[in-house]
Amino acid sequence: MDLHLPYHLKWYWSAEGYRRPEITTYFDQERVFTDFQSMAANIDRTNRVLERSIDNGAAYTLNLSGTFLDQCSWDPGVLDSFRYLADTGNVEFAASTYYHSLSALYPDLTDFKEQVWMHMEKISELFGLVPSTFVNPELLISGNIGGVLKKLGLKCMIAEGAKNLLSADVPTNVYSDDIPTLLRHIDLSEDVSRRFSDRSWDGTPLIADKFASWVEHIEGDVVTLYLDYGNIPWNESKAGGMFQFLTDLPLSLEEKGISMIKPEDAVKRFDKVKLNTLKTESAARYGVDSLLGNHAQHFYLKELEIIAQEIKEHAKAFDNAHLKRIFGYLQQSDIFLDMNTVRITGYERAVNNLSILSDFRRAIWEGSA
C-alpha cells in the first residue's frame, strides 16, 4: 500500500527583487497541513482494520513516503498507529526515494541512491525495521537501478504490471532481474482501490469471497496487489463495506488454499521467471506518458538533473540542509503529474512549476539563498 501526501506547489510568480527560498515561498503549506489533518483523522481507524485483517492471516507492505513522514511531525501520534502495526510482525515498510522523486531516471544515480538510503534510515529510526522491498514512486520501472538497490541490501522490487512488459500475460510470477521483481496485477488492484465503491461497476458489491474466487482461478505463483492507502477510508465512507472486506479477505483466501505473504517471502518461496522486457521497457502506474508525456515534463526533469549535478560538483556551496530539503520537495512525482496536459490546468501548471524551479536555481547561484 502506498501512503504519500505531497507538498503542493503554490501558484507562484516571483516578485520584483525575488525572495529568499523557503518552504513557504514555493509550497502551499496551508493546503498541505489540511490534507494531513484529513488523512490523520482516518489513519487510526484504518490501521485498526488492518490489525484485524492481520489477526485473520493477512500480511501487508506499506510504502510511507518521506514527505508524509516529515508531515507526521505535526502529529507524532500518527506514527504510533503504524508502530502498532509493525509490532504484529506481519507488516513491513518498503524503501523508496525519500522525496517521492523520479531520481531513478537521472543519468547519474547518486541522488537516487542517497534518497533511497535516506528513506531506509528514516524507516529504521522510526519503526526499528530494515526495509527489504523497494517501490519506486508511481511504480516506475526504467533503466538499470537493480544493482544500486542490491548494494543497499534490498531483496526485491514492486513495479507496474504494464502490458508493454508482459504482452498478453498477467503478472503472476516473481520475475528475475538484478533484483527479483513483482509486478502489480492492475485489474485486481484497481478493483479494490478504485472501483470498489462504483455502484455502476458490474463487480459490485465486492465481497471477500467473490474476490478470493477471482484470485483462485488465476494461474501462476503470486498475485501482487498494490493499493492507495487513502482509498481505504474513502471507499468505506462512500459506499461502506471496505473495512469488512479487508477483515474477511485473508480468511476467504485461506479457504481456497491461498496465503497472503510479504514480497520477500514470495521471492524466497517461488522460482524466478525471466522477463527480458524489464531491461528494455519502461512502465509506470497509469503510463509513463502521465509523467513524461510532454515537453514541459521532460524539460523539468532535465533541469532537476542539472541542479543535482551542480550540487554534486559544488558540495561545499550546498552544505545547507534547508536548501537540500526544498530541492527534494521540488522533485516530487506529483509535480510531473500536475503538468500532464490531459488535465485542464496542465499548461498553466507547467509554466508555474518551471517558474518556481527557475527561481530556486537563480536564488542559489545569485547568492540570495
Protein backbone atom coordinates (compact mmCIF):
# COMPACT_ATOMS: atom_id res chain seq x y z
CA MET A 1 0.00 0.00 0.00
CA ASP A 2 1.15 3.49 -0.83
CA LEU A 3 0.70 6.47 1.51
CA HIS A 4 2.09 9.70 0.13
CA LEU A 5 0.90 13.25 0.79
CA PRO A 6 2.64 15.75 -1.50
CA TYR A 7 3.93 19.21 -0.77
CA HIS A 8 1.76 21.09 -3.26
CA LEU A 9 3.39 23.94 -5.17
CA LYS A 10 1.85 27.39 -4.88
CA TRP A 11 0.62 29.42 -7.80
CA TYR A 12 3.76 31.48 -7.91
CA TRP A 13 5.14 34.49 -9.70
CA SER A 14 8.40 35.89 -8.36
CA ALA A 15 8.09 39.44 -7.07
CA GLU A 16 10.44 42.17 -8.23
CA GLY A 17 13.73 41.63 -6.43
CA TYR A 18 12.84 38.00 -5.78
CA ARG A 19 12.66 36.33 -2.38
CA ARG A 20 14.69 34.01 -0.23
CA PRO A 21 13.86 30.35 -0.99
CA GLU A 22 11.82 28.94 1.89
CA ILE A 23 9.33 26.11 2.13
CA THR A 24 6.59 28.73 2.42
CA THR A 25 7.94 30.58 -0.64
CA TYR A 26 7.14 27.78 -3.02
CA PHE A 27 4.78 25.37 -1.25
CA ASP A 28 1.17 25.77 -0.15
CA GLN A 29 1.65 24.85 3.50
CA GLU A 30 -1.97 25.56 4.43
CA ARG A 31 -3.20 23.03 1.88
CA VAL A 32 -0.50 20.52 2.88
CA PHE A 33 -1.49 20.81 6.56
CA THR A 34 -5.21 20.49 5.75
CA ASP A 35 -4.56 17.35 3.67
CA PHE A 36 -2.51 15.87 6.50
CA GLN A 37 -5.18 16.59 9.10
CA SER A 38 -7.81 14.95 6.88
CA MET A 39 -5.68 11.83 6.45
CA ALA A 40 -4.61 11.71 10.10
CA ALA A 41 -8.25 11.63 11.16
CA ASN A 42 -8.66 8.33 9.26
CA ILE A 43 -5.38 6.60 10.00
CA ASP A 44 -6.08 5.14 13.42
CA ARG A 45 -9.39 3.51 12.45
CA THR A 46 -7.92 2.25 9.16
CA ASN A 47 -4.94 0.71 10.92
CA ARG A 48 -7.24 -0.97 13.44
CA VAL A 49 -8.94 -2.67 10.49
CA LEU A 50 -5.57 -3.74 9.13
CA GLU A 51 -4.73 -5.19 12.56
CA ARG A 52 -7.92 -7.29 12.48
CA SER A 53 -7.06 -8.37 8.95
CA ILE A 54 -3.57 -9.38 10.12
CA ASP A 55 -5.08 -11.33 13.02
CA ASN A 56 -7.00 -13.28 10.38
CA GLY A 57 -3.82 -14.11 8.44
CA ALA A 58 -3.06 -11.05 6.29
CA ALA A 59 0.37 -9.57 5.57
CA TYR A 60 0.98 -6.04 4.30
CA THR A 61 3.79 -3.94 2.88
CA LEU A 62 3.38 -0.21 3.49
CA ASN A 63 5.20 2.42 1.48
CA LEU A 64 5.13 5.61 3.59
CA SER A 65 6.80 8.41 1.63
CA GLY A 66 9.42 10.61 3.22
CA THR A 67 7.23 13.66 2.65
CA PHE A 68 4.43 12.02 4.65
CA LEU A 69 6.85 11.06 7.42
CA ASP A 70 8.05 14.69 7.52
CA GLN A 71 4.45 15.84 7.93
CA CYS A 72 3.97 13.47 10.87
CA SER A 73 5.96 15.97 12.97
CA TRP A 74 2.65 17.87 13.14
CA ASP A 75 1.05 14.91 14.94
CA PRO A 76 3.62 12.36 16.19
CA GLY A 77 0.79 10.17 17.49
CA VAL A 78 0.08 9.17 13.89
CA LEU A 79 3.34 7.22 13.84
CA ASP A 80 2.29 5.25 16.93
CA SER A 81 -0.59 3.78 14.94
CA PHE A 82 1.89 2.42 12.40
CA ARG A 83 4.21 1.19 15.15
CA TYR A 84 1.36 -0.95 16.48
CA LEU A 85 1.07 -2.49 13.02
CA ALA A 86 4.82 -3.11 12.93
CA ASP A 87 4.57 -4.94 16.25
CA THR A 88 2.28 -7.55 14.66
CA GLY A 89 5.27 -8.96 12.76
CA ASN A 90 3.22 -9.19 9.54
CA VAL A 91 3.83 -5.66 8.28
CA GLU A 92 6.92 -4.41 6.52
CA PHE A 93 7.78 -0.89 5.41
CA ALA A 94 9.09 -0.51 1.88
CA ALA A 95 12.00 1.65 0.81
CA SER A 96 11.51 4.33 -1.82
CA THR A 97 13.03 7.61 -2.91
CA TYR A 98 12.65 9.83 0.15
CA TYR A 99 11.05 12.75 -1.66
CA HIS A 100 8.81 10.58 -3.89
CA SER A 101 11.04 11.64 -6.76
CA LEU A 102 11.80 10.29 -10.21
CA SER A 103 15.54 10.35 -9.49
CA ALA A 104 15.77 6.80 -10.87
CA LEU A 105 15.60 8.50 -14.29
CA TYR A 106 18.67 10.71 -13.74
CA PRO A 107 21.73 9.63 -15.77
CA ASP A 108 23.79 9.84 -12.58
CA LEU A 109 22.15 7.65 -9.93
CA THR A 110 23.99 9.27 -7.00
CA ASP A 111 20.96 11.30 -5.92
CA PHE A 112 18.70 8.26 -6.33
CA LYS A 113 20.96 6.15 -4.13
CA GLU A 114 21.16 8.87 -1.47
CA GLN A 115 17.39 9.31 -1.36
CA VAL A 116 16.73 5.57 -1.05
CA TRP A 117 19.31 5.26 1.72
CA MET A 118 17.84 8.33 3.47
CA HIS A 119 14.40 6.72 3.36
CA MET A 120 15.71 3.39 4.64
CA GLU A 121 17.41 5.12 7.57
CA LYS A 122 14.21 7.01 8.40
CA ILE A 123 12.16 3.79 8.41
CA SER A 124 14.73 2.10 10.64
CA GLU A 125 14.80 5.08 13.01
CA LEU A 126 11.01 5.35 13.33
CA PHE A 127 9.95 1.69 13.30
CA GLY A 128 13.06 -0.34 14.11
CA LEU A 129 12.71 -2.29 10.84
CA VAL A 130 15.10 -2.53 7.90
CA PRO A 131 13.25 -2.45 4.55
CA SER A 132 13.71 -5.41 2.23
CA THR A 133 11.34 -4.31 -0.56
CA PHE A 134 11.75 -1.31 -2.86
CA VAL A 135 8.91 0.59 -4.53
CA ASN A 136 9.63 3.45 -6.91
CA PRO A 137 7.14 6.35 -6.94
CA GLU A 138 4.30 5.68 -9.40
CA LEU A 139 5.58 2.07 -9.54
CA LEU A 140 8.11 3.29 -12.09
CA ILE A 141 10.47 0.80 -13.67
CA SER A 142 13.10 2.14 -16.04
CA GLY A 143 16.82 1.83 -16.51
CA ASN A 144 19.28 -0.18 -14.51
CA ILE A 145 18.64 0.58 -10.84
CA GLY A 146 18.66 -3.04 -9.67
CA GLY A 147 22.39 -3.05 -9.00
CA VAL A 148 22.10 0.03 -6.79
CA LEU A 149 19.22 -1.49 -4.83
CA LYS A 150 21.08 -4.75 -4.36
CA LYS A 151 24.11 -2.93 -2.94
CA LEU A 152 21.80 -1.18 -0.47
CA GLY A 153 20.72 -4.61 0.82
CA LEU A 154 17.24 -4.66 -0.69
CA LYS A 155 15.83 -8.06 -1.64
CA CYS A 156 13.10 -7.31 -4.17
CA MET A 157 11.15 -4.63 -6.02
CA ILE A 158 7.49 -3.98 -6.82
CA ALA A 159 6.70 -2.29 -10.16
CA GLU A 160 3.78 -1.76 -12.53
CA GLY A 161 2.48 -4.81 -14.41
CA ALA A 162 2.10 -2.90 -17.66
CA LYS A 163 1.14 -4.53 -20.97
CA ASN A 164 4.36 -3.45 -22.69
CA LEU A 165 6.26 -5.56 -20.16
CA LEU A 166 4.01 -8.60 -20.27
CA SER A 167 2.33 -8.57 -23.68
CA ALA A 168 -0.82 -10.74 -23.27
CA ASP A 169 0.26 -12.28 -19.99
CA VAL A 170 -0.82 -11.32 -16.48
CA PRO A 171 1.81 -10.70 -13.78
CA THR A 172 1.62 -13.81 -11.62
CA ASN A 173 5.27 -14.71 -11.06
CA VAL A 174 8.43 -13.49 -9.40
CA TYR A 175 10.48 -12.12 -12.29
CA SER A 176 14.25 -12.30 -12.48
CA ASP A 177 16.31 -9.14 -12.81
CA ASP A 178 19.30 -7.65 -11.00
CA ILE A 179 16.85 -7.70 -8.10
CA PRO A 180 13.77 -10.01 -8.09
CA THR A 181 10.71 -8.08 -9.25
CA LEU A 182 7.00 -8.43 -8.52
CA LEU A 183 4.58 -6.71 -10.89
CA ARG A 184 1.27 -5.21 -9.80
CA HIS A 185 -1.83 -7.00 -11.03
CA ILE A 186 -3.51 -3.90 -12.42
CA ASP A 187 -7.11 -5.13 -12.78
CA LEU A 188 -7.43 -6.71 -9.33
CA SER A 189 -5.64 -3.80 -7.65
CA GLU A 190 -7.94 -1.29 -9.31
CA ASP A 191 -10.99 -3.39 -8.42
CA VAL A 192 -10.18 -2.91 -4.75
CA SER A 193 -8.65 0.55 -4.78
CA ARG A 194 -10.74 2.47 -7.32
CA ARG A 195 -13.81 0.51 -8.43
CA PHE A 196 -14.90 -0.80 -5.03
CA SER A 197 -17.42 1.98 -4.38
CA ASP A 198 -18.53 2.43 -8.02
CA ARG A 199 -22.16 1.26 -7.97
CA SER A 200 -22.26 1.15 -11.80
CA TRP A 201 -19.38 -1.38 -11.89
CA ASP A 202 -20.54 -4.89 -12.77
CA GLY A 203 -18.43 -6.33 -9.93
CA THR A 204 -20.32 -4.51 -7.21
CA PRO A 205 -20.78 -5.34 -4.40
CA LEU A 206 -17.24 -6.62 -3.97
CA ILE A 207 -17.06 -9.00 -1.02
CA ALA A 208 -14.11 -11.07 0.14
CA ASP A 209 -15.48 -14.44 -1.03
CA LYS A 210 -16.09 -13.15 -4.54
CA PHE A 211 -12.63 -11.61 -4.78
CA ALA A 212 -10.99 -14.79 -3.45
CA SER A 213 -12.74 -16.82 -6.15
CA TRP A 214 -11.29 -14.49 -8.80
CA VAL A 215 -7.80 -14.99 -7.40
CA GLU A 216 -8.32 -18.75 -7.20
CA HIS A 217 -8.86 -19.03 -10.95
CA ILE A 218 -5.69 -17.13 -11.89
CA GLU A 219 -2.78 -19.31 -12.97
CA GLY A 220 0.67 -18.61 -11.58
CA ASP A 221 2.55 -18.37 -8.30
CA VAL A 222 1.75 -14.94 -6.90
CA VAL A 223 -0.76 -12.13 -7.40
CA THR A 224 0.65 -8.75 -6.36
CA LEU A 225 -1.89 -6.18 -5.18
CA TYR A 226 -0.79 -2.58 -4.70
CA LEU A 227 -3.33 -0.10 -3.36
CA ASP A 228 -3.55 3.54 -2.36
CA TYR A 229 -3.87 3.61 1.42
CA GLY A 230 -6.08 6.70 1.26
CA ASN A 231 -8.64 4.87 -0.86
CA ILE A 232 -9.44 2.51 2.01
CA PRO A 233 -11.18 5.07 4.26
CA TRP A 234 -12.50 6.87 1.17
CA ASN A 235 -14.24 3.75 -0.15
CA GLU A 236 -15.56 2.96 3.34
CA SER A 237 -17.09 6.40 3.71
CA LYS A 238 -18.54 6.46 0.22
CA ALA A 239 -20.13 3.03 -0.05
CA GLY A 240 -19.31 1.04 3.09
CA GLY A 241 -18.01 -2.50 3.14
CA MET A 242 -14.32 -1.83 2.58
CA PHE A 243 -13.33 -2.39 6.21
CA GLN A 244 -15.27 -5.65 6.31
CA PHE A 245 -13.74 -6.71 3.00
CA LEU A 246 -10.18 -6.31 4.33
CA THR A 247 -11.07 -8.06 7.58
CA ASP A 248 -12.58 -11.07 5.78
CA LEU A 249 -10.17 -11.32 2.84
CA PRO A 250 -7.40 -13.45 4.43
CA LEU A 251 -9.99 -15.94 5.72
CA SER A 252 -11.69 -16.19 2.33
CA LEU A 253 -8.36 -16.73 0.62
CA GLU A 254 -7.32 -19.33 3.19
CA GLU A 255 -10.46 -21.34 2.46
CA LYS A 256 -9.19 -21.67 -1.10
CA GLY A 257 -5.64 -22.57 -0.06
CA ILE A 258 -4.21 -19.12 -0.78
CA SER A 259 -1.93 -17.25 1.66
CA MET A 260 -1.21 -13.55 1.97
CA ILE A 261 2.57 -13.11 2.26
CA LYS A 262 5.14 -10.32 2.16
CA PRO A 263 7.17 -9.72 -1.03
CA GLU A 264 10.43 -11.01 0.44
CA ASP A 265 8.68 -14.27 1.36
CA ALA A 266 7.36 -14.62 -2.19
CA VAL A 267 10.88 -14.16 -3.54
CA LYS A 268 12.16 -16.92 -1.25
CA ARG A 269 9.29 -19.30 -1.97
CA PHE A 270 8.89 -19.21 -5.76
CA ASP A 271 11.16 -19.80 -8.73
CA LYS A 272 12.14 -16.75 -10.76
CA VAL A 273 10.81 -16.31 -14.30
CA LYS A 274 12.93 -14.49 -16.88
CA LEU A 275 11.31 -11.39 -18.38
CA ASN A 276 13.60 -9.64 -20.87
CA THR A 277 11.42 -6.53 -21.15
CA LEU A 278 12.40 -5.48 -17.62
CA LYS A 279 15.70 -4.36 -19.19
CA THR A 280 14.32 -2.80 -22.35
CA GLU A 281 10.96 -1.21 -21.48
CA SER A 282 9.73 1.49 -19.10
CA ALA A 283 6.45 1.41 -17.21
CA ALA A 284 4.63 3.41 -14.55
CA ARG A 285 1.23 3.39 -12.91
CA TYR A 286 -1.25 4.98 -15.35
CA GLY A 287 1.50 5.13 -18.00
CA VAL A 288 4.91 6.75 -18.37
CA ASP A 289 3.26 9.43 -20.53
CA SER A 290 1.42 10.69 -17.44
CA LEU A 291 4.84 11.66 -16.05
CA LEU A 292 6.87 12.39 -19.18
CA GLY A 293 4.37 12.82 -21.99
CA ASN A 294 5.14 16.41 -23.00
CA HIS A 295 7.99 18.83 -23.47
CA ALA A 296 7.44 20.69 -20.20
CA GLN A 297 7.72 17.48 -18.16
CA HIS A 298 10.92 16.49 -19.95
CA PHE A 299 12.33 19.98 -19.51
CA TYR A 300 11.54 19.97 -15.79
CA LEU A 301 13.28 16.60 -15.39
CA LYS A 302 16.33 17.90 -17.27
CA GLU A 303 16.50 20.97 -15.04
CA LEU A 304 16.40 18.73 -11.96
CA GLU A 305 19.24 16.65 -13.40
CA ILE A 306 21.31 19.80 -13.94
CA ILE A 307 20.68 21.11 -10.43
CA ALA A 308 21.51 17.71 -8.92
CA GLN A 309 24.77 17.67 -10.86
CA GLU A 310 25.60 21.23 -9.85
CA ILE A 311 25.01 20.36 -6.21
CA LYS A 312 27.33 17.38 -6.58
CA GLU A 313 30.06 19.49 -8.19
CA HIS A 314 29.78 22.31 -5.65
CA ALA A 315 29.16 20.31 -2.48
CA LYS A 316 30.58 22.94 -0.13
CA ALA A 317 28.40 25.69 -1.55
CA PHE A 318 25.35 23.49 -0.99
CA ASP A 319 26.16 22.40 2.54
CA ASN A 320 22.75 23.57 3.61
CA ALA A 321 20.15 21.06 4.79
CA HIS A 322 17.36 23.61 4.37
CA LEU A 323 18.06 24.16 0.66
CA LYS A 324 18.52 20.44 0.05
CA ARG A 325 15.12 19.81 1.61
CA ILE A 326 13.49 22.36 -0.70
CA PHE A 327 15.23 20.78 -3.68
CA GLY A 328 13.97 17.39 -2.53
CA TYR A 329 10.36 18.56 -2.47
CA LEU A 330 10.79 20.12 -5.92
CA GLN A 331 11.49 16.60 -7.26
CA GLN A 332 8.12 15.04 -6.27
CA SER A 333 6.44 12.92 -8.92
CA ASP A 334 3.21 14.84 -8.25
CA ILE A 335 4.74 17.92 -9.87
CA PHE A 336 5.14 15.97 -13.12
CA LEU A 337 1.57 14.66 -12.90
CA ASP A 338 0.32 18.23 -12.43
CA MET A 339 1.95 19.17 -15.76
CA ASN A 340 0.14 16.41 -17.64
CA THR A 341 -1.75 18.30 -20.33
CA VAL A 342 -4.62 15.81 -20.18
CA ARG A 343 -5.59 17.90 -17.17
CA ILE A 344 -7.34 21.21 -17.79
CA THR A 345 -4.69 23.15 -15.86
CA GLY A 346 -1.71 21.20 -17.25
CA TYR A 347 -0.27 24.05 -19.34
CA GLU A 348 -0.71 26.62 -16.59
CA ARG A 349 0.86 24.27 -14.07
CA ALA A 350 3.83 23.71 -16.38
CA VAL A 351 4.52 27.46 -16.62
CA ASN A 352 4.08 27.85 -12.87
CA ASN A 353 6.23 24.87 -11.87
CA LEU A 354 9.06 25.77 -14.22
CA SER A 355 8.95 29.34 -12.91
CA ILE A 356 9.45 28.07 -9.36
CA LEU A 357 12.30 25.78 -10.37
CA SER A 358 13.99 28.59 -12.28
CA ASP A 359 13.65 30.94 -9.32
CA PHE A 360 15.11 28.37 -6.93
CA ARG A 361 18.14 27.88 -9.16
CA ARG A 362 18.59 31.64 -9.62
CA ALA A 363 18.38 32.28 -5.89
CA ILE A 364 21.14 29.80 -5.17
CA TRP A 365 23.57 30.98 -7.82
CA GLU A 366 22.97 34.69 -7.23
CA GLY A 367 23.69 34.19 -3.55
CA SER A 368 20.28 35.32 -2.33
CA ALA A 369 19.78 32.00 -0.57
